[in-house]
Amino acid sequence: MQYKTVTLPGDKKIALVAHDNKKKDLVAWCSKHRDTLKTHTLYATGTTGTVIGDATGLDILRLISGPLGGDQQVGSLITEGKVDFLIFFWDPFEPMPHDPDVKALLRIAAVWNIPVACNQISADFMVASPLFNRPVERSIPDYDAYMASRAR
C-alpha cells in the first residue's frame, strides 16, 4: 500500500462513542471539556449522542445506534475523511453482541491513522496536546494510487 500525507485541520471532526456502562463517563468527560469540544464538529452514535447533547448542550450530529450499524457508520465516515478523531469509551468487562463491528471500527481507525482515545485519561491527554487545536499532518493510505495500480 502506498501512503500520502494529508493535513488534519485545527477544527477536528470528532466521533464520540460509548458502550452503555461507559456513557456516564463520556458525558462527564464531555462536560469537563465542553468549551474545547464546542469548537469542533461532533458526531456520536445514537443514544450516546442524545445523552451527551441533553447533558451538555453540545451540538452533536447523531448517527444510528452502535448495535444497529452506528459503529460501521462511524467507520465509513473515517474512510471518507469526514471523521478525524475517535473517542470511544468501550467497556472491556461487558461482552457486546456487536463486538465484530467494534473491532472493525478500531481497525479502520488504525488503517486511516486517526487518533483514538478509549478512556478518560487517554482522552484527557489528547485534548491537552498542543496538536489538538491546530493543523497537523498525518499519513493515510493513498486509495487513488491503489486503484490506479489495479487498473493496469
C-alpha atoms as a PDB file:
ATOM      1  CA  MET A   1       0.000   0.000   0.000  1.00  0.00           C
ATOM      2  CA  GLN A   2       1.192   3.469  -0.854  1.00  0.00           C
ATOM      3  CA  TYR A   3       0.598   6.354   1.516  1.00  0.00           C
ATOM      4  CA  LYS A   4       0.101  10.075   1.186  1.00  0.00           C
ATOM      5  CA  THR A   5       0.264  12.938   3.636  1.00  0.00           C
ATOM      6  CA  VAL A   6      -2.846  14.938   4.455  1.00  0.00           C
ATOM      7  CA  THR A   7      -3.405  17.694   6.966  1.00  0.00           C
ATOM      8  CA  LEU A   8      -5.886  17.372   9.794  1.00  0.00           C
ATOM      9  CA  PRO A   9      -7.435  20.807  10.281  1.00  0.00           C
ATOM     10  CA  GLY A  10      -7.336  22.689  13.555  1.00  0.00           C
ATOM     11  CA  ASP A  11     -11.088  22.262  13.911  1.00  0.00           C
ATOM     12  CA  LYS A  12     -11.370  18.500  14.174  1.00  0.00           C
ATOM     13  CA  LYS A  13     -14.306  16.274  13.277  1.00  0.00           C
ATOM     14  CA  ILE A  14     -14.659  14.042  16.334  1.00  0.00           C
ATOM     15  CA  ALA A  15     -16.714  10.856  16.724  1.00  0.00           C
ATOM     16  CA  LEU A  16     -17.949  10.105  20.243  1.00  0.00           C
ATOM     17  CA  VAL A  17     -18.931   6.519  21.032  1.00  0.00           C
ATOM     18  CA  ALA A  18     -19.611   4.804  24.365  1.00  0.00           C
ATOM     19  CA  HIS A  19     -20.898   1.443  25.457  1.00  0.00           C
ATOM     20  CA  ASP A  20     -23.875   1.567  27.825  1.00  0.00           C
ATOM     21  CA  ASN A  21     -21.795   1.177  31.005  1.00  0.00           C
ATOM     22  CA  LYS A  22     -19.466   3.984  29.864  1.00  0.00           C
ATOM     23  CA  LYS A  23     -21.986   6.594  28.730  1.00  0.00           C
ATOM     24  CA  LYS A  24     -21.916   8.393  32.110  1.00  0.00           C
ATOM     25  CA  ASP A  25     -18.107   8.541  31.915  1.00  0.00           C
ATOM     26  CA  LEU A  26     -18.223  10.016  28.418  1.00  0.00           C
ATOM     27  CA  VAL A  27     -20.880  12.557  29.439  1.00  0.00           C
ATOM     28  CA  ALA A  28     -18.709  13.608  32.397  1.00  0.00           C
ATOM     29  CA  TRP A  29     -15.675  13.888  30.115  1.00  0.00           C
ATOM     30  CA  CYS A  30     -17.592  15.952  27.536  1.00  0.00           C
ATOM     31  CA  SER A  31     -18.889  18.221  30.298  1.00  0.00           C
ATOM     32  CA  LYS A  32     -15.359  18.746  31.584  1.00  0.00           C
ATOM     33  CA  HIS A  33     -14.095  19.633  28.076  1.00  0.00           C
ATOM     34  CA  ARG A  34     -17.237  21.336  26.797  1.00  0.00           C
ATOM     35  CA  ASP A  35     -15.554  24.632  25.909  1.00  0.00           C
ATOM     36  CA  THR A  36     -12.894  22.850  23.878  1.00  0.00           C
ATOM     37  CA  LEU A  37     -15.304  20.448  22.190  1.00  0.00           C
ATOM     38  CA  LYS A  38     -17.781  23.139  21.101  1.00  0.00           C
ATOM     39  CA  THR A  39     -15.200  24.495  18.622  1.00  0.00           C
ATOM     40  CA  HIS A  40     -15.103  21.151  16.775  1.00  0.00           C
ATOM     41  CA  THR A  41     -17.638  19.150  14.754  1.00  0.00           C
ATOM     42  CA  LEU A  42     -19.023  16.317  16.866  1.00  0.00           C
ATOM     43  CA  TYR A  43     -20.596  13.074  15.702  1.00  0.00           C
ATOM     44  CA  ALA A  44     -21.977  10.399  18.010  1.00  0.00           C
ATOM     45  CA  THR A  45     -23.757   7.106  17.710  1.00  0.00           C
ATOM     46  CA  GLY A  46     -27.485   7.097  18.571  1.00  0.00           C
ATOM     47  CA  THR A  47     -28.127   7.008  22.286  1.00  0.00           C
ATOM     48  CA  THR A  48     -24.668   8.327  23.132  1.00  0.00           C
ATOM     49  CA  GLY A  49     -25.307  11.460  21.064  1.00  0.00           C
ATOM     50  CA  THR A  50     -28.668  12.060  22.686  1.00  0.00           C
ATOM     51  CA  VAL A  51     -27.311  11.611  26.208  1.00  0.00           C
ATOM     52  CA  ILE A  52     -24.295  13.885  25.591  1.00  0.00           C
ATOM     53  CA  GLY A  53     -26.368  16.555  23.835  1.00  0.00           C
ATOM     54  CA  ASP A  54     -29.009  16.633  26.565  1.00  0.00           C
ATOM     55  CA  ALA A  55     -26.423  16.782  29.375  1.00  0.00           C
ATOM     56  CA  THR A  56     -24.006  19.302  27.843  1.00  0.00           C
ATOM     57  CA  GLY A  57     -25.897  21.328  25.261  1.00  0.00           C
ATOM     58  CA  LEU A  58     -23.198  20.471  22.716  1.00  0.00           C
ATOM     59  CA  ASP A  59     -24.276  20.341  19.082  1.00  0.00           C
ATOM     60  CA  ILE A  60     -23.997  16.657  18.118  1.00  0.00           C
ATOM     61  CA  LEU A  61     -24.552  15.172  14.677  1.00  0.00           C
ATOM     62  CA  ARG A  62     -26.332  11.959  15.644  1.00  0.00           C
ATOM     63  CA  LEU A  63     -25.798   8.727  13.774  1.00  0.00           C
ATOM     64  CA  ILE A  64     -27.709   5.486  14.282  1.00  0.00           C
ATOM     65  CA  SER A  65     -27.236   3.318  17.356  1.00  0.00           C
ATOM     66  CA  GLY A  66     -23.992   1.314  17.521  1.00  0.00           C
ATOM     67  CA  PRO A  67     -25.583  -2.154  17.579  1.00  0.00           C
ATOM     68  CA  LEU A  68     -27.791  -1.174  14.625  1.00  0.00           C
ATOM     69  CA  GLY A  69     -24.806  -0.183  12.481  1.00  0.00           C
ATOM     70  CA  GLY A  70     -23.662   3.100  14.012  1.00  0.00           C
ATOM     71  CA  ASP A  71     -20.135   1.765  14.628  1.00  0.00           C
ATOM     72  CA  GLN A  72     -19.928   0.885  10.943  1.00  0.00           C
ATOM     73  CA  GLN A  73     -21.326   4.292  10.053  1.00  0.00           C
ATOM     74  CA  VAL A  74     -18.503   5.943  12.035  1.00  0.00           C
ATOM     75  CA  GLY A  75     -16.008   3.683  10.234  1.00  0.00           C
ATOM     76  CA  SER A  76     -17.414   4.768   6.893  1.00  0.00           C
ATOM     77  CA  LEU A  77     -17.074   8.442   7.871  1.00  0.00           C
ATOM     78  CA  ILE A  78     -13.436   7.774   8.797  1.00  0.00           C
ATOM     79  CA  THR A  79     -12.681   6.249   5.383  1.00  0.00           C
ATOM     80  CA  GLU A  80     -14.406   9.202   3.691  1.00  0.00           C
ATOM     81  CA  GLY A  81     -12.238  11.677   5.632  1.00  0.00           C
ATOM     82  CA  LYS A  82     -15.265  13.050   7.497  1.00  0.00           C
ATOM     83  CA  VAL A  83     -14.030  11.968  10.958  1.00  0.00           C
ATOM     84  CA  ASP A  84     -10.507  12.864  12.132  1.00  0.00           C
ATOM     85  CA  PHE A  85     -10.603  11.692  15.724  1.00  0.00           C
ATOM     86  CA  LEU A  86     -12.326   8.892  17.643  1.00  0.00           C
ATOM     87  CA  ILE A  87     -13.194   8.969  21.317  1.00  0.00           C
ATOM     88  CA  PHE A  88     -14.599   5.541  22.106  1.00  0.00           C
ATOM     89  CA  PHE A  89     -15.189   4.673  25.740  1.00  0.00           C
ATOM     90  CA  TRP A  90     -15.667   0.923  25.478  1.00  0.00           C
ATOM     91  CA  ASP A  91     -16.425  -1.472  28.269  1.00  0.00           C
ATOM     92  CA  PRO A  92     -13.774  -4.212  28.490  1.00  0.00           C
ATOM     93  CA  PHE A  93     -15.871  -6.205  31.002  1.00  0.00           C
ATOM     94  CA  GLU A  94     -19.129  -6.446  29.084  1.00  0.00           C
ATOM     95  CA  PRO A  95     -19.377  -8.662  26.001  1.00  0.00           C
ATOM     96  CA  MET A  96     -21.291  -6.934  23.230  1.00  0.00           C
ATOM     97  CA  PRO A  97     -23.360  -8.611  20.529  1.00  0.00           C
ATOM     98  CA  HIS A  98     -21.786  -6.231  18.028  1.00  0.00           C
ATOM     99  CA  ASP A  99     -18.158  -6.930  19.052  1.00  0.00           C
ATOM    100  CA  PRO A 100     -17.191  -7.648  15.397  1.00  0.00           C
ATOM    101  CA  ASP A 101     -18.399  -4.135  14.496  1.00  0.00           C
ATOM    102  CA  VAL A 102     -16.372  -2.641  17.333  1.00  0.00           C
ATOM    103  CA  LYS A 103     -13.249  -4.496  16.208  1.00  0.00           C
ATOM    104  CA  ALA A 104     -13.845  -3.358  12.624  1.00  0.00           C
ATOM    105  CA  LEU A 105     -14.196   0.272  13.772  1.00  0.00           C
ATOM    106  CA  LEU A 106     -10.931   0.149  15.699  1.00  0.00           C
ATOM    107  CA  ARG A 107      -9.216  -1.496  12.709  1.00  0.00           C
ATOM    108  CA  ILE A 108     -10.457   1.253  10.348  1.00  0.00           C
ATOM    109  CA  ALA A 109      -9.209   3.912  12.785  1.00  0.00           C
ATOM    110  CA  ALA A 110      -5.772   2.262  12.778  1.00  0.00           C
ATOM    111  CA  VAL A 111      -5.692   1.861   8.972  1.00  0.00           C
ATOM    112  CA  TRP A 112      -6.609   5.513   8.411  1.00  0.00           C
ATOM    113  CA  ASN A 113      -4.195   6.682  11.117  1.00  0.00           C
ATOM    114  CA  ILE A 114      -6.596   8.677  13.257  1.00  0.00           C
ATOM    115  CA  PRO A 115      -6.120   9.318  16.976  1.00  0.00           C
ATOM    116  CA  VAL A 116      -8.205   7.076  19.233  1.00  0.00           C
ATOM    117  CA  ALA A 117      -8.911   7.524  22.942  1.00  0.00           C
ATOM    118  CA  CYS A 118     -10.520   4.607  24.749  1.00  0.00           C
ATOM    119  CA  ASN A 119     -10.898   6.036  28.266  1.00  0.00           C
ATOM    120  CA  GLN A 120     -10.979   9.317  30.183  1.00  0.00           C
ATOM    121  CA  ILE A 121      -7.245   9.647  30.770  1.00  0.00           C
ATOM    122  CA  SER A 122      -6.249   8.933  27.165  1.00  0.00           C
ATOM    123  CA  ALA A 123      -8.887  11.432  26.000  1.00  0.00           C
ATOM    124  CA  ASP A 124      -7.563  13.988  28.531  1.00  0.00           C
ATOM    125  CA  PHE A 125      -4.039  13.567  27.192  1.00  0.00           C
ATOM    126  CA  MET A 126      -5.239  14.008  23.625  1.00  0.00           C
ATOM    127  CA  VAL A 127      -7.195  17.213  24.190  1.00  0.00           C
ATOM    128  CA  ALA A 128      -4.297  18.585  26.265  1.00  0.00           C
ATOM    129  CA  SER A 129      -1.917  18.023  23.365  1.00  0.00           C
ATOM    130  CA  PRO A 130      -0.830  21.180  21.526  1.00  0.00           C
ATOM    131  CA  LEU A 131      -1.736  19.301  18.313  1.00  0.00           C
ATOM    132  CA  PHE A 132      -5.420  19.023  19.247  1.00  0.00           C
ATOM    133  CA  ASN A 133      -6.472  22.518  18.172  1.00  0.00           C
ATOM    134  CA  ARG A 134      -4.087  23.111  15.308  1.00  0.00           C
ATOM    135  CA  PRO A 135      -3.463  21.594  11.889  1.00  0.00           C
ATOM    136  CA  VAL A 136      -1.249  18.507  11.888  1.00  0.00           C
ATOM    137  CA  GLU A 137      -0.004  16.238   9.121  1.00  0.00           C
ATOM    138  CA  ARG A 138      -0.727  12.522   9.054  1.00  0.00           C
ATOM    139  CA  SER A 139      -0.083   9.666   6.662  1.00  0.00           C
ATOM    140  CA  ILE A 140      -3.060   7.794   5.185  1.00  0.00           C
ATOM    141  CA  PRO A 141      -3.496   5.096   2.539  1.00  0.00           C
ATOM    142  CA  ASP A 142      -3.360   6.516  -0.981  1.00  0.00           C
ATOM    143  CA  TYR A 143      -6.512   4.899  -2.299  1.00  0.00           C
ATOM    144  CA  ASP A 144      -6.316   6.666  -5.683  1.00  0.00           C
ATOM    145  CA  ALA A 145      -2.809   5.290  -6.296  1.00  0.00           C
ATOM    146  CA  TYR A 146      -4.014   1.841  -5.187  1.00  0.00           C
ATOM    147  CA  MET A 147      -6.910   1.911  -7.664  1.00  0.00           C
ATOM    148  CA  ALA A 148      -4.668   3.189 -10.460  1.00  0.00           C
ATOM    149  CA  SER A 149      -2.227   0.320  -9.880  1.00  0.00           C
ATOM    150  CA  ARG A 150      -5.111  -2.194 -10.060  1.00  0.00           C
ATOM    151  CA  ALA A 151      -6.393  -0.776 -13.359  1.00  0.00           C
ATOM    152  CA  ARG A 152      -3.221  -1.677 -15.242  1.00  0.00           C
END
